[in-house]
Amino acid sequence: MRRNIIPYNHTLKELARKLRNDSTLGEVLLWNELKNKQMYGYDFHRQKPLLNYIIDLYCYELNLVIEIDGHYHNYEEQYEADLVRDEELEKYDLIILGFTEQEVRKDMVNVLRAIEQYVLEHGSNHS
């Protein structure tokens, strides 16, 4: 499979490293379920710079971005920014699955089920 190279802003590397150390509980919990190729052998990366964004979780083999949205003081402004981000990422044939921090914390079974469904429909039988 040919890897889809997506450019990124190199100045974000240090911030991405900091975000990996300061992850939300939801990000840590979901990462613990996806790291070490636990999802059908697919390799996920966390706090990955893509374009001018830092993506919560990314699997290049599946062209899959997973975003976990927390609580924001200015929800409407963040919502608009997320729409712009999603449109830009979709230009690179990336699929964005979004979950709330609350969903990940309280309903991990269904979050993993949604990710698994995507993997089974779009993956190339890795397992």
C-alpha atoms as a PDB file:
ATOM      1  CA  MET A   1       0.000   0.000   0.000  1.00  0.00           C
ATOM      2  CA  ARG A   2       1.305   3.395  -0.950  1.00  0.00           C
ATOM      3  CA  ARG A   3       1.559   5.716   2.024  1.00  0.00           C
ATOM      4  CA  ASN A   4      -0.296   9.012   1.756  1.00  0.00           C
ATOM      5  CA  ILE A   5       2.259  11.629   2.820  1.00  0.00           C
ATOM      6  CA  ILE A   6       0.542  14.528   4.540  1.00  0.00           C
ATOM      7  CA  PRO A   7       2.578  17.680   5.122  1.00  0.00           C
ATOM      8  CA  TYR A   8       2.728  19.222   8.562  1.00  0.00           C
ATOM      9  CA  ASN A   9       3.926  22.366  10.238  1.00  0.00           C
ATOM     10  CA  HIS A  10       7.282  21.376  11.783  1.00  0.00           C
ATOM     11  CA  THR A  11       6.928  24.002  14.500  1.00  0.00           C
ATOM     12  CA  LEU A  12       4.131  21.860  15.981  1.00  0.00           C
ATOM     13  CA  LYS A  13       6.426  18.953  16.901  1.00  0.00           C
ATOM     14  CA  GLU A  14       7.385  20.349  20.297  1.00  0.00           C
ATOM     15  CA  LEU A  15       3.785  21.239  21.149  1.00  0.00           C
ATOM     16  CA  ALA A  16       2.686  17.725  20.127  1.00  0.00           C
ATOM     17  CA  ARG A  17       5.259  16.264  22.514  1.00  0.00           C
ATOM     18  CA  LYS A  18       3.943  18.498  25.300  1.00  0.00           C
ATOM     19  CA  LEU A  19       0.343  17.485  24.549  1.00  0.00           C
ATOM     20  CA  ARG A  20       1.300  13.803  24.749  1.00  0.00           C
ATOM     21  CA  ASN A  21       2.510  14.474  28.283  1.00  0.00           C
ATOM     22  CA  ASP A  22      -0.583  16.539  29.187  1.00  0.00           C
ATOM     23  CA  SER A  23      -3.290  14.339  27.649  1.00  0.00           C
ATOM     24  CA  THR A  24      -6.850  14.338  28.914  1.00  0.00           C
ATOM     25  CA  LEU A  25      -8.128  11.261  30.715  1.00  0.00           C
ATOM     26  CA  GLY A  26     -10.241  10.366  27.666  1.00  0.00           C
ATOM     27  CA  GLU A  27      -7.213  10.533  25.369  1.00  0.00           C
ATOM     28  CA  VAL A  28      -5.182   8.329  27.726  1.00  0.00           C
ATOM     29  CA  LEU A  29      -7.992   5.784  28.098  1.00  0.00           C
ATOM     30  CA  LEU A  30      -8.557   5.505  24.342  1.00  0.00           C
ATOM     31  CA  TRP A  31      -4.826   5.424  23.633  1.00  0.00           C
ATOM     32  CA  ASN A  32      -4.479   2.500  26.040  1.00  0.00           C
ATOM     33  CA  GLU A  33      -7.011   0.597  23.899  1.00  0.00           C
ATOM     34  CA  LEU A  34      -5.380   1.397  20.541  1.00  0.00           C
ATOM     35  CA  LYS A  35      -1.629   1.472  21.192  1.00  0.00           C
ATOM     36  CA  ASN A  36       0.674  -1.437  20.359  1.00  0.00           C
ATOM     37  CA  LYS A  37      -1.447  -2.403  17.340  1.00  0.00           C
ATOM     38  CA  GLN A  38      -4.275  -3.740  19.523  1.00  0.00           C
ATOM     39  CA  MET A  39      -6.941  -2.852  16.934  1.00  0.00           C
ATOM     40  CA  TYR A  40      -6.517  -5.561  14.297  1.00  0.00           C
ATOM     41  CA  GLY A  41      -2.804  -4.874  13.987  1.00  0.00           C
ATOM     42  CA  TYR A  42      -3.161  -1.233  12.934  1.00  0.00           C
ATOM     43  CA  ASP A  43      -0.609   1.282  14.142  1.00  0.00           C
ATOM     44  CA  PHE A  44      -2.100   4.392  15.773  1.00  0.00           C
ATOM     45  CA  HIS A  45      -0.127   7.498  16.706  1.00  0.00           C
ATOM     46  CA  ARG A  46      -1.231  10.114  19.212  1.00  0.00           C
ATOM     47  CA  GLN A  47      -0.866  13.878  19.139  1.00  0.00           C
ATOM     48  CA  LYS A  48       0.296  13.685  15.527  1.00  0.00           C
ATOM     49  CA  PRO A  49       1.009  16.911  13.605  1.00  0.00           C
ATOM     50  CA  LEU A  50      -0.876  16.985  10.274  1.00  0.00           C
ATOM     51  CA  LEU A  51      -1.076  20.167   8.215  1.00  0.00           C
ATOM     52  CA  ASN A  52      -1.389  22.967  10.807  1.00  0.00           C
ATOM     53  CA  TYR A  53      -3.129  20.782  13.382  1.00  0.00           C
ATOM     54  CA  ILE A  54      -2.235  18.303  16.076  1.00  0.00           C
ATOM     55  CA  ILE A  55      -4.497  15.276  15.718  1.00  0.00           C
ATOM     56  CA  ASP A  56      -5.464  13.302  18.834  1.00  0.00           C
ATOM     57  CA  LEU A  57      -5.086   9.855  17.227  1.00  0.00           C
ATOM     58  CA  TYR A  58      -4.047   8.957  13.679  1.00  0.00           C
ATOM     59  CA  CYS A  59      -3.665   5.744  11.705  1.00  0.00           C
ATOM     60  CA  TYR A  60      -2.020   6.329   8.327  1.00  0.00           C
ATOM     61  CA  GLU A  61      -2.807   2.783   7.125  1.00  0.00           C
ATOM     62  CA  LEU A  62      -6.537   3.506   7.440  1.00  0.00           C
ATOM     63  CA  ASN A  63      -6.421   7.248   6.590  1.00  0.00           C
ATOM     64  CA  LEU A  64      -8.206   7.610   9.924  1.00  0.00           C
ATOM     65  CA  VAL A  65      -8.187  10.568  12.288  1.00  0.00           C
ATOM     66  CA  ILE A  66      -9.805  10.247  15.713  1.00  0.00           C
ATOM     67  CA  GLU A  67     -10.592  13.438  17.572  1.00  0.00           C
ATOM     68  CA  ILE A  68     -11.740  13.621  21.182  1.00  0.00           C
ATOM     69  CA  ASP A  69     -13.492  16.883  21.908  1.00  0.00           C
ATOM     70  CA  GLY A  70     -13.513  18.225  25.434  1.00  0.00           C
ATOM     71  CA  HIS A  71     -15.418  21.093  26.974  1.00  0.00           C
ATOM     72  CA  TYR A  72     -14.579  24.490  25.567  1.00  0.00           C
ATOM     73  CA  HIS A  73     -15.364  27.905  26.999  1.00  0.00           C
ATOM     74  CA  ASN A  74     -16.308  29.175  23.559  1.00  0.00           C
ATOM     75  CA  TYR A  75     -17.986  26.123  22.063  1.00  0.00           C
ATOM     76  CA  GLU A  76     -19.303  27.837  18.931  1.00  0.00           C
ATOM     77  CA  GLU A  77     -15.885  29.221  17.997  1.00  0.00           C
ATOM     78  CA  GLN A  78     -14.244  25.824  18.572  1.00  0.00           C
ATOM     79  CA  TYR A  79     -16.967  24.103  16.538  1.00  0.00           C
ATOM     80  CA  GLU A  80     -16.245  26.410  13.584  1.00  0.00           C
ATOM     81  CA  ALA A  81     -12.493  25.801  13.894  1.00  0.00           C
ATOM     82  CA  ASP A  82     -13.096  22.034  13.980  1.00  0.00           C
ATOM     83  CA  LEU A  83     -15.190  22.237  10.798  1.00  0.00           C
ATOM     84  CA  VAL A  84     -12.376  24.059   8.995  1.00  0.00           C
ATOM     85  CA  ARG A  85      -9.846  21.487  10.277  1.00  0.00           C
ATOM     86  CA  ASP A  86     -12.036  18.603   9.135  1.00  0.00           C
ATOM     87  CA  GLU A  87     -12.512  20.100   5.656  1.00  0.00           C
ATOM     88  CA  GLU A  88      -8.761  20.574   5.233  1.00  0.00           C
ATOM     89  CA  LEU A  89      -7.994  17.030   6.406  1.00  0.00           C
ATOM     90  CA  GLU A  90     -10.683  15.546   4.151  1.00  0.00           C
ATOM     91  CA  LYS A  91      -8.847  17.022   1.139  1.00  0.00           C
ATOM     92  CA  TYR A  92      -6.193  14.385   1.885  1.00  0.00           C
ATOM     93  CA  ASP A  93      -8.820  11.607   1.865  1.00  0.00           C
ATOM     94  CA  LEU A  94      -8.756  11.346   5.636  1.00  0.00           C
ATOM     95  CA  ILE A  95     -11.813  10.198   7.536  1.00  0.00           C
ATOM     96  CA  ILE A  96     -12.473  11.868  10.874  1.00  0.00           C
ATOM     97  CA  LEU A  97     -14.202  10.003  13.673  1.00  0.00           C
ATOM     98  CA  GLY A  98     -15.112  12.295  16.514  1.00  0.00           C
ATOM     99  CA  PHE A  99     -16.026  11.449  20.071  1.00  0.00           C
ATOM    100  CA  THR A 100     -16.582  13.568  23.127  1.00  0.00           C
ATOM    101  CA  GLU A 101     -14.413  13.289  26.197  1.00  0.00           C
ATOM    102  CA  GLN A 102     -17.554  12.143  28.026  1.00  0.00           C
ATOM    103  CA  GLU A 103     -18.257   9.341  25.515  1.00  0.00           C
ATOM    104  CA  VAL A 104     -14.744   7.989  25.840  1.00  0.00           C
ATOM    105  CA  ARG A 105     -14.835   8.095  29.631  1.00  0.00           C
ATOM    106  CA  LYS A 106     -18.339   6.701  30.131  1.00  0.00           C
ATOM    107  CA  ASP A 107     -19.012   4.537  27.054  1.00  0.00           C
ATOM    108  CA  MET A 108     -15.691   3.086  25.890  1.00  0.00           C
ATOM    109  CA  VAL A 109     -17.362  -0.097  24.633  1.00  0.00           C
ATOM    110  CA  ASN A 110     -19.364   1.800  22.022  1.00  0.00           C
ATOM    111  CA  VAL A 111     -16.471   4.103  21.110  1.00  0.00           C
ATOM    112  CA  LEU A 112     -14.320   1.038  20.400  1.00  0.00           C
ATOM    113  CA  ARG A 113     -17.209  -0.592  18.558  1.00  0.00           C
ATOM    114  CA  ALA A 114     -17.487   2.443  16.236  1.00  0.00           C
ATOM    115  CA  ILE A 115     -13.723   2.404  15.562  1.00  0.00           C
ATOM    116  CA  GLU A 116     -13.782  -1.356  15.021  1.00  0.00           C
ATOM    117  CA  GLN A 117     -16.656  -1.030  12.559  1.00  0.00           C
ATOM    118  CA  TYR A 118     -14.666   1.531  10.549  1.00  0.00           C
ATOM    119  CA  VAL A 119     -11.567  -0.711  10.625  1.00  0.00           C
ATOM    120  CA  LEU A 120     -13.494  -3.778   9.489  1.00  0.00           C
ATOM    121  CA  GLU A 121     -15.189  -1.866   6.642  1.00  0.00           C
ATOM    122  CA  HIS A 122     -12.111   0.017   5.414  1.00  0.00           C
ATOM    123  CA  GLY A 123      -9.090  -1.984   6.498  1.00  0.00           C
ATOM    124  CA  SER A 124      -7.288  -4.585   4.466  1.00  0.00           C
ATOM    125  CA  ASN A 125      -7.703  -7.498   6.875  1.00  0.00           C
ATOM    126  CA  HIS A 126      -4.599  -6.974   8.890  1.00  0.00           C
ATOM    127  CA  SER A 127      -5.247  -9.459  11.659  1.00  0.00           C
END
